Amino acid sequence: MARSAWSSGPRIVTGWSRELRLLRQSGAHIEPGLSRIELASAEEVVGAQFPPDLADFLRTALPVGERFPNWREPASTAIADVLAGPFSGIAFDIEQNSFWWPAWETRPPVLEDALEIARRHIASAPRLIPVYGHRYLASSPSEIGNPVFSVHQTDVIYYGRDLRSYVAHEFGRMTFREATTPEPRKIAFWSELVEANNAPSA
């Protein structure tokens, strides 16, 4: 992946003091922000540019500790595991819970073939960037304001309409309704999973 134009460009988002205060109050240790080179290395491992708000936040400060991805060690096993999490969870439901997404082609009878089809389709969806535990920020579009998803197997919900509301919800007193109102930006595939989970049972 070529070095991100954003990573080497000027910051256009400012003012993370409120979010950093909430993180410190929750017990997170805050390290100095990433350098341009460190941020570019993280983006290379993820395979996508970080949206401007996440990139600016990580250049301002880096939360570290249990469940926070340590982007200073992007090649670590811990980062690899959390990046693999969304597909691994979906694969589990394909194998154990008969999950199959209707928009994919007909499910083949052989599990390995089904997983390969799923892997190909999920790889074409916007990458999910881990922010904390099984919370992920959508990488695309490369704009401020992408939603944060909570991803546990195929149980996918919004956890914040954007990065700021997510932090206020996860680490502060913002309610789920407040954090997800107005309706978050639609993200291909992942928002469709949210809507499927919210659909009334037949």
N, C-alpha and C. Protein backbone atom coordinates (compact mmCIF):
# COMPACT_ATOMS: atom_id res chain seq x y z
N MET A 1 0.85 -1.20 0.00
CA MET A 1 0.00 0.00 0.00
C MET A 1 0.88 1.24 0.00
N ALA A 2 0.56 2.19 -0.90
CA ALA A 2 1.32 3.42 -0.95
C ALA A 2 1.09 4.24 0.31
N ARG A 3 2.06 5.04 0.63
CA ARG A 3 1.92 5.88 1.80
C ARG A 3 0.71 6.79 1.68
N SER A 4 -0.07 6.85 2.73
CA SER A 4 -1.31 7.61 2.71
C SER A 4 -1.08 9.09 2.52
N ALA A 5 -1.87 9.69 1.64
CA ALA A 5 -1.79 11.13 1.47
C ALA A 5 -2.21 11.84 2.74
N TRP A 6 -3.20 11.25 3.44
CA TRP A 6 -3.63 11.88 4.68
C TRP A 6 -2.53 11.84 5.72
N SER A 7 -1.84 10.69 5.83
CA SER A 7 -0.84 10.55 6.87
C SER A 7 0.24 11.62 6.78
N SER A 8 0.56 12.04 5.57
CA SER A 8 1.62 13.02 5.41
C SER A 8 1.10 14.44 5.30
N GLY A 9 -0.22 14.60 5.38
CA GLY A 9 -0.81 15.92 5.20
C GLY A 9 -1.09 16.61 6.51
N PRO A 10 -1.65 17.81 6.47
CA PRO A 10 -1.95 18.57 7.68
C PRO A 10 -3.16 18.01 8.40
N ARG A 11 -3.24 18.28 9.70
CA ARG A 11 -4.42 17.89 10.46
C ARG A 11 -5.57 18.83 10.12
N ILE A 12 -6.77 18.26 10.01
CA ILE A 12 -7.93 19.11 9.73
C ILE A 12 -9.00 18.93 10.81
N VAL A 13 -8.73 18.07 11.80
CA VAL A 13 -9.64 17.88 12.91
C VAL A 13 -8.89 18.26 14.16
N THR A 14 -9.50 19.03 15.03
CA THR A 14 -8.81 19.44 16.24
C THR A 14 -9.72 19.26 17.45
N GLY A 15 -9.10 19.23 18.62
CA GLY A 15 -9.87 19.25 19.84
C GLY A 15 -10.33 17.90 20.33
N TRP A 16 -9.41 17.11 20.86
CA TRP A 16 -9.75 15.80 21.41
C TRP A 16 -9.66 15.79 22.92
N SER A 17 -9.63 16.95 23.56
CA SER A 17 -9.42 17.00 25.01
C SER A 17 -10.55 16.29 25.77
N ARG A 18 -11.78 16.44 25.33
CA ARG A 18 -12.91 15.80 26.01
C ARG A 18 -12.77 14.28 25.93
N GLU A 19 -12.47 13.77 24.74
CA GLU A 19 -12.35 12.33 24.57
C GLU A 19 -11.17 11.77 25.37
N LEU A 20 -10.06 12.51 25.39
CA LEU A 20 -8.91 12.05 26.15
C LEU A 20 -9.19 12.05 27.65
N ARG A 21 -9.96 13.02 28.10
CA ARG A 21 -10.32 13.04 29.52
C ARG A 21 -11.16 11.81 29.88
N LEU A 22 -12.13 11.47 29.03
CA LEU A 22 -12.94 10.29 29.29
C LEU A 22 -12.10 9.02 29.30
N LEU A 23 -11.18 8.93 28.38
CA LEU A 23 -10.32 7.75 28.32
C LEU A 23 -9.44 7.64 29.57
N ARG A 24 -8.87 8.76 30.00
CA ARG A 24 -8.05 8.73 31.22
C ARG A 24 -8.89 8.34 32.43
N GLN A 25 -10.10 8.87 32.51
CA GLN A 25 -10.97 8.55 33.63
C GLN A 25 -11.35 7.08 33.65
N SER A 26 -11.34 6.44 32.49
CA SER A 26 -11.67 5.01 32.42
C SER A 26 -10.48 4.13 32.77
N GLY A 27 -9.32 4.75 32.94
CA GLY A 27 -8.12 3.99 33.30
C GLY A 27 -7.16 3.76 32.17
N ALA A 28 -7.45 4.27 30.99
CA ALA A 28 -6.54 4.09 29.86
C ALA A 28 -5.27 4.91 30.06
N HIS A 29 -4.16 4.34 29.65
CA HIS A 29 -2.90 5.07 29.64
C HIS A 29 -2.77 5.75 28.28
N ILE A 30 -2.41 7.02 28.27
CA ILE A 30 -2.33 7.77 27.03
C ILE A 30 -0.87 8.07 26.71
N GLU A 31 -0.43 7.56 25.57
CA GLU A 31 0.93 7.82 25.10
C GLU A 31 0.91 8.93 24.06
N PRO A 32 2.08 9.50 23.75
CA PRO A 32 2.14 10.49 22.67
C PRO A 32 1.59 9.91 21.37
N GLY A 33 1.09 10.78 20.52
CA GLY A 33 0.50 10.33 19.27
C GLY A 33 1.50 9.73 18.32
N LEU A 34 0.97 9.08 17.30
CA LEU A 34 1.80 8.43 16.29
C LEU A 34 2.47 9.47 15.39
N SER A 35 3.66 9.13 14.95
CA SER A 35 4.32 9.93 13.92
C SER A 35 3.69 9.61 12.56
N ARG A 36 3.99 10.40 11.56
CA ARG A 36 3.47 10.12 10.22
C ARG A 36 3.93 8.74 9.75
N ILE A 37 5.17 8.40 10.03
CA ILE A 37 5.70 7.10 9.60
C ILE A 37 4.98 5.97 10.34
N GLU A 38 4.75 6.14 11.63
CA GLU A 38 4.04 5.11 12.39
C GLU A 38 2.61 4.95 11.90
N LEU A 39 1.95 6.05 11.61
CA LEU A 39 0.59 5.98 11.11
C LEU A 39 0.54 5.29 9.75
N ALA A 40 1.49 5.63 8.88
CA ALA A 40 1.55 4.99 7.57
C ALA A 40 1.79 3.50 7.69
N SER A 41 2.61 3.08 8.65
CA SER A 41 2.86 1.66 8.87
C SER A 41 1.59 0.94 9.32
N ALA A 42 0.83 1.59 10.21
CA ALA A 42 -0.43 1.00 10.66
C ALA A 42 -1.41 0.86 9.50
N GLU A 43 -1.49 1.87 8.66
CA GLU A 43 -2.40 1.82 7.52
C GLU A 43 -1.99 0.72 6.55
N GLU A 44 -0.71 0.52 6.39
CA GLU A 44 -0.23 -0.52 5.48
C GLU A 44 -0.66 -1.90 5.98
N VAL A 45 -0.57 -2.12 7.28
CA VAL A 45 -0.96 -3.41 7.84
C VAL A 45 -2.47 -3.62 7.70
N VAL A 46 -3.25 -2.58 7.96
CA VAL A 46 -4.70 -2.68 7.85
C VAL A 46 -5.13 -2.86 6.39
N GLY A 47 -4.37 -2.25 5.48
CA GLY A 47 -4.72 -2.31 4.07
C GLY A 47 -5.69 -1.23 3.65
N ALA A 48 -5.75 -0.15 4.43
CA ALA A 48 -6.65 0.96 4.12
C ALA A 48 -6.17 2.21 4.83
N GLN A 49 -6.45 3.36 4.24
CA GLN A 49 -6.18 4.62 4.92
C GLN A 49 -7.12 4.77 6.11
N PHE A 50 -6.61 5.35 7.17
CA PHE A 50 -7.47 5.67 8.30
C PHE A 50 -8.25 6.93 7.96
N PRO A 51 -9.55 6.96 8.25
CA PRO A 51 -10.31 8.18 7.99
C PRO A 51 -9.71 9.38 8.73
N PRO A 52 -9.97 10.60 8.26
CA PRO A 52 -9.29 11.77 8.82
C PRO A 52 -9.46 11.95 10.32
N ASP A 53 -10.65 11.65 10.87
CA ASP A 53 -10.82 11.86 12.31
C ASP A 53 -10.01 10.86 13.13
N LEU A 54 -10.00 9.59 12.73
CA LEU A 54 -9.20 8.60 13.45
C LEU A 54 -7.71 8.90 13.29
N ALA A 55 -7.29 9.26 12.09
CA ALA A 55 -5.88 9.58 11.88
C ALA A 55 -5.45 10.76 12.74
N ASP A 56 -6.29 11.78 12.80
CA ASP A 56 -5.94 12.95 13.61
C ASP A 56 -5.89 12.60 15.09
N PHE A 57 -6.86 11.80 15.54
CA PHE A 57 -6.87 11.40 16.94
C PHE A 57 -5.59 10.64 17.29
N LEU A 58 -5.20 9.69 16.44
CA LEU A 58 -4.03 8.87 16.74
C LEU A 58 -2.73 9.65 16.62
N ARG A 59 -2.74 10.72 15.84
CA ARG A 59 -1.55 11.59 15.79
C ARG A 59 -1.51 12.52 17.00
N THR A 60 -2.65 12.69 17.65
CA THR A 60 -2.71 13.51 18.86
C THR A 60 -2.31 12.70 20.09
N ALA A 61 -2.82 11.45 20.18
CA ALA A 61 -2.57 10.61 21.35
C ALA A 61 -2.85 9.16 20.98
N LEU A 62 -2.21 8.25 21.71
CA LEU A 62 -2.41 6.81 21.49
C LEU A 62 -2.82 6.15 22.80
N PRO A 63 -4.10 5.78 22.93
CA PRO A 63 -4.50 5.03 24.13
C PRO A 63 -3.90 3.63 24.08
N VAL A 64 -3.37 3.17 25.19
CA VAL A 64 -2.81 1.83 25.25
C VAL A 64 -3.34 1.13 26.49
N GLY A 65 -3.24 -0.17 26.47
CA GLY A 65 -3.73 -0.97 27.59
C GLY A 65 -4.62 -2.08 27.08
N GLU A 66 -5.23 -2.80 28.00
CA GLU A 66 -6.05 -3.93 27.65
C GLU A 66 -7.16 -3.53 26.68
N ARG A 67 -7.24 -4.25 25.57
CA ARG A 67 -8.27 -4.11 24.54
C ARG A 67 -8.02 -2.98 23.55
N PHE A 68 -7.06 -2.07 23.82
CA PHE A 68 -6.72 -1.05 22.84
C PHE A 68 -5.68 -1.60 21.87
N PRO A 69 -5.86 -1.40 20.56
CA PRO A 69 -4.82 -1.83 19.62
C PRO A 69 -3.59 -0.95 19.76
N ASN A 70 -2.44 -1.56 19.86
CA ASN A 70 -1.20 -0.79 19.96
C ASN A 70 -0.64 -0.58 18.56
N TRP A 71 -0.96 0.57 17.99
CA TRP A 71 -0.57 0.84 16.61
C TRP A 71 0.92 1.14 16.47
N ARG A 72 1.65 1.19 17.58
CA ARG A 72 3.11 1.29 17.47
C ARG A 72 3.73 -0.07 17.17
N GLU A 73 2.92 -1.11 17.29
CA GLU A 73 3.38 -2.46 16.97
C GLU A 73 2.39 -3.10 15.98
N PRO A 74 2.26 -2.51 14.79
CA PRO A 74 1.22 -2.97 13.87
C PRO A 74 1.43 -4.38 13.34
N ALA A 75 2.66 -4.88 13.42
CA ALA A 75 2.93 -6.24 12.94
C ALA A 75 2.76 -7.29 14.03
N SER A 76 2.24 -6.91 15.19
CA SER A 76 2.12 -7.83 16.31
C SER A 76 1.01 -8.85 16.07
N THR A 77 1.11 -9.97 16.78
CA THR A 77 0.07 -10.99 16.72
C THR A 77 -1.26 -10.43 17.21
N ALA A 78 -1.22 -9.57 18.23
CA ALA A 78 -2.45 -9.00 18.77
C ALA A 78 -3.20 -8.20 17.71
N ILE A 79 -2.48 -7.41 16.93
CA ILE A 79 -3.12 -6.63 15.86
C ILE A 79 -3.66 -7.57 14.79
N ALA A 80 -2.89 -8.58 14.42
CA ALA A 80 -3.34 -9.54 13.40
C ALA A 80 -4.62 -10.23 13.84
N ASP A 81 -4.69 -10.59 15.11
CA ASP A 81 -5.87 -11.29 15.62
C ASP A 81 -7.11 -10.40 15.57
N VAL A 82 -6.97 -9.14 15.98
CA VAL A 82 -8.15 -8.28 16.02
C VAL A 82 -8.57 -7.87 14.61
N LEU A 83 -7.63 -7.77 13.68
CA LEU A 83 -7.99 -7.50 12.29
C LEU A 83 -8.74 -8.68 11.68
N ALA A 84 -8.36 -9.88 12.09
CA ALA A 84 -9.01 -11.08 11.56
C ALA A 84 -10.36 -11.34 12.21
N GLY A 85 -10.64 -10.63 13.31
CA GLY A 85 -11.84 -10.91 14.08
C GLY A 85 -13.15 -10.88 13.32
N PRO A 86 -13.43 -9.84 12.53
CA PRO A 86 -14.73 -9.81 11.83
C PRO A 86 -14.96 -11.02 10.93
N PHE A 87 -13.96 -11.38 10.11
CA PHE A 87 -14.17 -12.55 9.25
C PHE A 87 -14.23 -13.83 10.06
N SER A 88 -13.38 -13.97 11.07
CA SER A 88 -13.38 -15.18 11.88
C SER A 88 -14.74 -15.42 12.53
N GLY A 89 -15.34 -14.32 13.02
CA GLY A 89 -16.65 -14.45 13.65
C GLY A 89 -17.73 -14.86 12.67
N ILE A 90 -17.70 -14.26 11.48
CA ILE A 90 -18.68 -14.63 10.46
C ILE A 90 -18.46 -16.07 10.01
N ALA A 91 -17.18 -16.47 9.87
CA ALA A 91 -16.87 -17.84 9.48
C ALA A 91 -17.41 -18.83 10.51
N PHE A 92 -17.31 -18.48 11.77
CA PHE A 92 -17.84 -19.34 12.83
C PHE A 92 -19.34 -19.54 12.66
N ASP A 93 -20.05 -18.46 12.37
CA ASP A 93 -21.50 -18.57 12.21
C ASP A 93 -21.87 -19.32 10.94
N ILE A 94 -21.04 -19.23 9.91
CA ILE A 94 -21.28 -20.02 8.70
C ILE A 94 -21.15 -21.50 9.01
N GLU A 95 -20.14 -21.84 9.78
CA GLU A 95 -19.88 -23.25 10.08
C GLU A 95 -20.83 -23.81 11.14
N GLN A 96 -21.08 -23.02 12.18
CA GLN A 96 -21.81 -23.55 13.34
C GLN A 96 -23.29 -23.17 13.39
N ASN A 97 -23.66 -22.07 12.74
CA ASN A 97 -25.02 -21.56 12.89
C ASN A 97 -25.76 -21.38 11.57
N SER A 98 -25.24 -22.01 10.51
CA SER A 98 -25.91 -22.02 9.19
C SER A 98 -26.10 -20.62 8.60
N PHE A 99 -25.24 -19.66 9.00
CA PHE A 99 -25.37 -18.31 8.44
C PHE A 99 -24.95 -18.31 6.98
N TRP A 100 -25.71 -17.58 6.19
CA TRP A 100 -25.32 -17.33 4.80
C TRP A 100 -25.98 -16.04 4.36
N TRP A 101 -25.18 -15.11 3.80
CA TRP A 101 -25.71 -13.81 3.41
C TRP A 101 -26.45 -13.94 2.08
N PRO A 102 -27.69 -13.47 2.01
CA PRO A 102 -28.52 -13.67 0.80
C PRO A 102 -27.91 -13.09 -0.47
N ALA A 103 -27.14 -12.03 -0.37
CA ALA A 103 -26.59 -11.39 -1.58
C ALA A 103 -25.45 -12.19 -2.20
N TRP A 104 -24.89 -13.13 -1.46
CA TRP A 104 -23.85 -13.97 -2.02
C TRP A 104 -24.48 -15.03 -2.92
N GLU A 105 -23.65 -15.65 -3.77
CA GLU A 105 -24.17 -16.73 -4.60
C GLU A 105 -24.64 -17.91 -3.74
N THR A 106 -25.30 -18.84 -4.37
CA THR A 106 -25.83 -19.99 -3.64
C THR A 106 -24.74 -20.67 -2.82
N ARG A 107 -25.06 -20.98 -1.59
CA ARG A 107 -24.07 -21.62 -0.72
C ARG A 107 -23.70 -23.00 -1.24
N PRO A 108 -22.41 -23.25 -1.46
CA PRO A 108 -22.00 -24.59 -1.89
C PRO A 108 -22.08 -25.57 -0.72
N PRO A 109 -22.21 -26.85 -1.01
CA PRO A 109 -22.35 -27.84 0.08
C PRO A 109 -21.06 -28.07 0.86
N VAL A 110 -19.92 -27.79 0.26
CA VAL A 110 -18.63 -28.01 0.93
C VAL A 110 -18.27 -26.76 1.73
N LEU A 111 -18.01 -26.94 3.04
CA LEU A 111 -17.75 -25.80 3.92
C LEU A 111 -16.59 -24.94 3.44
N GLU A 112 -15.50 -25.58 3.03
CA GLU A 112 -14.32 -24.81 2.60
C GLU A 112 -14.65 -23.91 1.42
N ASP A 113 -15.49 -24.39 0.51
CA ASP A 113 -15.89 -23.57 -0.64
C ASP A 113 -16.77 -22.40 -0.19
N ALA A 114 -17.65 -22.67 0.76
CA ALA A 114 -18.51 -21.61 1.28
C ALA A 114 -17.68 -20.53 1.97
N LEU A 115 -16.69 -20.94 2.75
CA LEU A 115 -15.84 -19.96 3.44
C LEU A 115 -15.03 -19.14 2.45
N GLU A 116 -14.61 -19.75 1.37
CA GLU A 116 -13.84 -19.00 0.37
C GLU A 116 -14.71 -17.94 -0.30
N ILE A 117 -15.96 -18.27 -0.59
CA ILE A 117 -16.88 -17.27 -1.15
C ILE A 117 -17.09 -16.14 -0.15
N ALA A 118 -17.32 -16.49 1.10
CA ALA A 118 -17.52 -15.47 2.13
C ALA A 118 -16.30 -14.59 2.27
N ARG A 119 -15.13 -15.20 2.27
CA ARG A 119 -13.88 -14.43 2.41
C ARG A 119 -13.75 -13.42 1.27
N ARG A 120 -14.07 -13.85 0.06
CA ARG A 120 -13.94 -12.96 -1.10
C ARG A 120 -14.90 -11.78 -1.00
N HIS A 121 -16.13 -12.04 -0.60
CA HIS A 121 -17.11 -10.95 -0.50
C HIS A 121 -16.77 -10.00 0.64
N ILE A 122 -16.37 -10.53 1.78
CA ILE A 122 -16.05 -9.67 2.91
C ILE A 122 -14.80 -8.84 2.62
N ALA A 123 -13.86 -9.41 1.88
CA ALA A 123 -12.65 -8.66 1.51
C ALA A 123 -12.98 -7.46 0.63
N SER A 124 -14.10 -7.53 -0.09
CA SER A 124 -14.48 -6.41 -0.97
C SER A 124 -15.27 -5.34 -0.22
N ALA A 125 -15.68 -5.63 1.01
CA ALA A 125 -16.38 -4.63 1.82
C ALA A 125 -15.37 -3.67 2.43
N PRO A 126 -15.80 -2.49 2.88
CA PRO A 126 -14.88 -1.58 3.54
C PRO A 126 -14.18 -2.25 4.73
N ARG A 127 -12.89 -2.02 4.84
CA ARG A 127 -12.13 -2.58 5.95
C ARG A 127 -12.61 -1.99 7.26
N LEU A 128 -12.58 -2.81 8.30
CA LEU A 128 -12.91 -2.34 9.65
C LEU A 128 -11.61 -2.16 10.44
N ILE A 129 -11.47 -0.99 11.04
CA ILE A 129 -10.26 -0.66 11.79
C ILE A 129 -10.56 -0.80 13.28
N PRO A 130 -9.84 -1.66 13.98
CA PRO A 130 -10.12 -1.83 15.41
C PRO A 130 -9.81 -0.57 16.21
N VAL A 131 -10.70 -0.23 17.12
CA VAL A 131 -10.46 0.91 18.01
C VAL A 131 -10.42 0.51 19.47
N TYR A 132 -11.18 -0.56 19.82
CA TYR A 132 -11.19 -1.01 21.21
C TYR A 132 -11.95 -2.32 21.27
N GLY A 133 -11.28 -3.39 21.71
CA GLY A 133 -11.96 -4.68 21.78
C GLY A 133 -12.57 -5.05 20.45
N HIS A 134 -13.87 -5.38 20.46
CA HIS A 134 -14.53 -5.73 19.21
C HIS A 134 -15.34 -4.55 18.65
N ARG A 135 -14.87 -3.35 18.90
CA ARG A 135 -15.43 -2.14 18.27
C ARG A 135 -14.51 -1.73 17.11
N TYR A 136 -15.13 -1.42 15.99
CA TYR A 136 -14.38 -1.13 14.77
C TYR A 136 -14.95 0.10 14.08
N LEU A 137 -14.06 0.92 13.55
CA LEU A 137 -14.45 2.08 12.74
C LEU A 137 -14.32 1.71 11.26
N ALA A 138 -15.32 2.05 10.49
CA ALA A 138 -15.27 1.79 9.05
C ALA A 138 -14.20 2.66 8.39
N SER A 139 -13.42 2.06 7.51
CA SER A 139 -12.33 2.79 6.87
C SER A 139 -12.80 3.63 5.69
N SER A 140 -13.93 3.29 5.13
CA SER A 140 -14.40 3.95 3.91
C SER A 140 -15.84 4.42 4.11
N PRO A 141 -16.16 5.62 3.60
CA PRO A 141 -15.34 6.52 2.80
C PRO A 141 -14.26 7.20 3.64
N SER A 142 -13.27 7.74 2.97
CA SER A 142 -12.18 8.41 3.67
C SER A 142 -12.61 9.83 4.04
N GLU A 143 -13.56 9.88 4.98
CA GLU A 143 -14.15 11.14 5.41
C GLU A 143 -14.34 11.13 6.92
N ILE A 144 -14.48 12.32 7.49
CA ILE A 144 -14.84 12.42 8.90
C ILE A 144 -16.27 11.92 9.08
N GLY A 145 -16.51 11.14 10.15
CA GLY A 145 -17.88 10.80 10.49
C GLY A 145 -18.32 9.38 10.19
N ASN A 146 -17.40 8.46 9.92
CA ASN A 146 -17.82 7.07 9.74
C ASN A 146 -18.24 6.47 11.07
N PRO A 147 -19.20 5.54 11.05
CA PRO A 147 -19.68 4.95 12.30
C PRO A 147 -18.71 3.94 12.89
N VAL A 148 -18.88 3.71 14.18
CA VAL A 148 -18.18 2.63 14.88
C VAL A 148 -19.18 1.50 15.07
N PHE A 149 -18.74 0.29 14.71
CA PHE A 149 -19.57 -0.91 14.85
C PHE A 149 -19.07 -1.76 16.02
N SER A 150 -20.00 -2.40 16.68
CA SER A 150 -19.67 -3.49 17.59
C SER A 150 -19.88 -4.78 16.80
N VAL A 151 -18.83 -5.59 16.70
CA VAL A 151 -18.87 -6.77 15.83
C VAL A 151 -18.57 -8.02 16.65
N HIS A 152 -19.58 -8.84 16.84
CA HIS A 152 -19.41 -10.12 17.53
C HIS A 152 -20.06 -11.18 16.67
N GLN A 153 -19.22 -11.92 15.92
CA GLN A 153 -19.72 -12.86 14.91
C GLN A 153 -20.62 -12.08 13.95
N THR A 154 -21.84 -12.54 13.70
CA THR A 154 -22.72 -11.78 12.80
C THR A 154 -23.66 -10.85 13.57
N ASP A 155 -23.45 -10.75 14.87
CA ASP A 155 -24.20 -9.79 15.68
C ASP A 155 -23.48 -8.45 15.58
N VAL A 156 -23.90 -7.66 14.60
CA VAL A 156 -23.25 -6.39 14.29
C VAL A 156 -24.25 -5.26 14.55
N ILE A 157 -23.85 -4.30 15.38
CA ILE A 157 -24.69 -3.14 15.66
C ILE A 157 -23.83 -1.89 15.61
N TYR A 158 -24.48 -0.75 15.46
CA TYR A 158 -23.76 0.51 15.61
C TYR A 158 -23.45 0.72 17.09
N TYR A 159 -22.27 1.31 17.35
CA TYR A 159 -21.94 1.66 18.73
C TYR A 159 -21.59 3.14 18.85
N GLY A 160 -21.66 3.83 17.74
CA GLY A 160 -21.47 5.27 17.71
C GLY A 160 -21.62 5.74 16.29
N ARG A 161 -22.29 6.87 16.11
CA ARG A 161 -22.49 7.36 14.74
C ARG A 161 -21.18 7.87 14.16
N ASP A 162 -20.21 8.19 15.02
CA ASP A 162 -18.88 8.61 14.59
C ASP A 162 -17.93 8.36 15.76
N LEU A 163 -16.67 8.70 15.57
CA LEU A 163 -15.66 8.39 16.58
C LEU A 163 -15.93 9.11 17.89
N ARG A 164 -16.31 10.37 17.83
CA ARG A 164 -16.55 11.14 19.06
C ARG A 164 -17.73 10.57 19.86
N SER A 165 -18.83 10.29 19.19
CA SER A 165 -19.98 9.76 19.90
C SER A 165 -19.69 8.37 20.45
N TYR A 166 -18.89 7.61 19.72
CA TYR A 166 -18.50 6.29 20.24
C TYR A 166 -17.75 6.41 21.57
N VAL A 167 -16.75 7.28 21.61
CA VAL A 167 -15.97 7.43 22.84
C VAL A 167 -16.87 7.89 23.99
N ALA A 168 -17.77 8.83 23.70
CA ALA A 168 -18.67 9.33 24.75
C ALA A 168 -19.61 8.24 25.24
N HIS A 169 -19.98 7.31 24.36
CA HIS A 169 -20.86 6.21 24.75
C HIS A 169 -20.11 5.12 25.50
N GLU A 170 -18.97 4.70 24.95
CA GLU A 170 -18.21 3.59 25.55
C GLU A 170 -17.58 3.98 26.88
N PHE A 171 -17.07 5.20 26.96
CA PHE A 171 -16.28 5.60 28.13
C PHE A 171 -16.93 6.71 28.95
N GLY A 172 -18.02 7.27 28.46
CA GLY A 172 -18.70 8.34 29.17
C GLY A 172 -20.13 7.97 29.50
N ARG A 173 -20.97 8.97 29.55
CA ARG A 173 -22.36 8.78 29.96
C ARG A 173 -23.37 8.88 28.82
N MET A 174 -22.88 9.02 27.61
CA MET A 174 -23.80 9.12 26.48
C MET A 174 -24.55 7.80 26.31
N THR A 175 -25.86 7.86 26.13
CA THR A 175 -26.65 6.65 25.96
C THR A 175 -26.48 6.09 24.55
N PHE A 176 -26.89 4.84 24.40
CA PHE A 176 -26.84 4.21 23.08
C PHE A 176 -27.66 5.00 22.07
N ARG A 177 -28.85 5.40 22.45
CA ARG A 177 -29.71 6.15 21.53
C ARG A 177 -29.05 7.47 21.12
N GLU A 178 -28.49 8.17 22.09
CA GLU A 178 -27.82 9.43 21.77
C GLU A 178 -26.63 9.22 20.86
N ALA A 179 -25.90 8.12 21.09
CA ALA A 179 -24.68 7.86 20.31
C ALA A 179 -24.97 7.43 18.88
N THR A 180 -26.17 6.96 18.64
CA THR A 180 -26.51 6.45 17.30
C THR A 180 -27.61 7.26 16.62
N THR A 181 -27.86 8.47 17.13
CA THR A 181 -28.85 9.37 16.54
C THR A 181 -28.18 10.70 16.24
N PRO A 182 -28.39 11.28 15.05
CA PRO A 182 -29.18 10.75 13.94
C PRO A 182 -28.56 9.49 13.34
N GLU A 183 -29.26 8.89 12.42
CA GLU A 183 -28.84 7.61 11.86
C GLU A 183 -27.42 7.69 11.31
N PRO A 184 -26.57 6.74 11.67
CA PRO A 184 -25.20 6.76 11.17
C PRO A 184 -25.11 6.61 9.66
N ARG A 185 -23.98 7.02 9.14
CA ARG A 185 -23.70 6.86 7.71
C ARG A 185 -23.77 5.38 7.34
N LYS A 186 -24.35 5.09 6.19
CA LYS A 186 -24.45 3.71 5.72
C LYS A 186 -23.11 3.26 5.15
N ILE A 187 -22.69 2.07 5.58
CA ILE A 187 -21.44 1.47 5.11
C ILE A 187 -21.79 0.14 4.44
N ALA A 188 -21.31 -0.04 3.22
CA ALA A 188 -21.65 -1.25 2.46
C ALA A 188 -21.38 -2.50 3.28
N PHE A 189 -22.27 -3.45 3.22
CA PHE A 189 -22.27 -4.74 3.88
C PHE A 189 -22.48 -4.62 5.38
N TRP A 190 -21.63 -3.86 6.08
CA TRP A 190 -21.71 -3.81 7.54
C TRP A 190 -23.01 -3.18 8.01
N SER A 191 -23.44 -2.10 7.38
CA SER A 191 -24.72 -1.50 7.74
C SER A 191 -25.88 -2.43 7.37
N GLU A 192 -25.71 -3.20 6.32
CA GLU A 192 -26.74 -4.16 5.95
C GLU A 192 -26.89 -5.25 7.02
N LEU A 193 -25.76 -5.65 7.60
CA LEU A 193 -25.83 -6.62 8.71
C LEU A 193 -26.56 -6.01 9.91
N VAL A 194 -26.28 -4.74 10.20
CA VAL A 194 -26.98 -4.05 11.28
C VAL A 194 -28.48 -4.08 11.01
N GLU A 195 -28.88 -3.73 9.81
CA GLU A 195 -30.30 -3.67 9.49
C GLU A 195 -30.94 -5.06 9.56
N ALA A 196 -30.20 -6.09 9.15
CA ALA A 196 -30.74 -7.45 9.22
C ALA A 196 -30.94 -7.87 10.68
N ASN A 197 -30.01 -7.46 11.54
CA ASN A 197 -30.15 -7.78 12.97
C ASN A 197 -31.31 -7.04 13.61
N ASN A 198 -31.64 -5.87 13.07
CA ASN A 198 -32.72 -5.06 13.64
C ASN A 198 -34.08 -5.38 13.03
N ALA A 199 -34.08 -6.19 11.97
CA ALA A 199 -35.34 -6.50 11.29
C ALA A 199 -36.23 -7.37 12.19
N PRO A 200 -37.53 -7.12 12.19
CA PRO A 200 -38.44 -7.95 13.00
C PRO A 200 -38.43 -9.39 12.51
N SER A 201 -38.56 -10.31 13.44
CA SER A 201 -38.60 -11.73 13.08
C SER A 201 -39.86 -12.04 12.29
N ALA A 202 -39.69 -12.99 11.38
CA ALA A 202 -40.85 -13.37 10.55
C ALA A 202 -41.88 -14.13 11.39
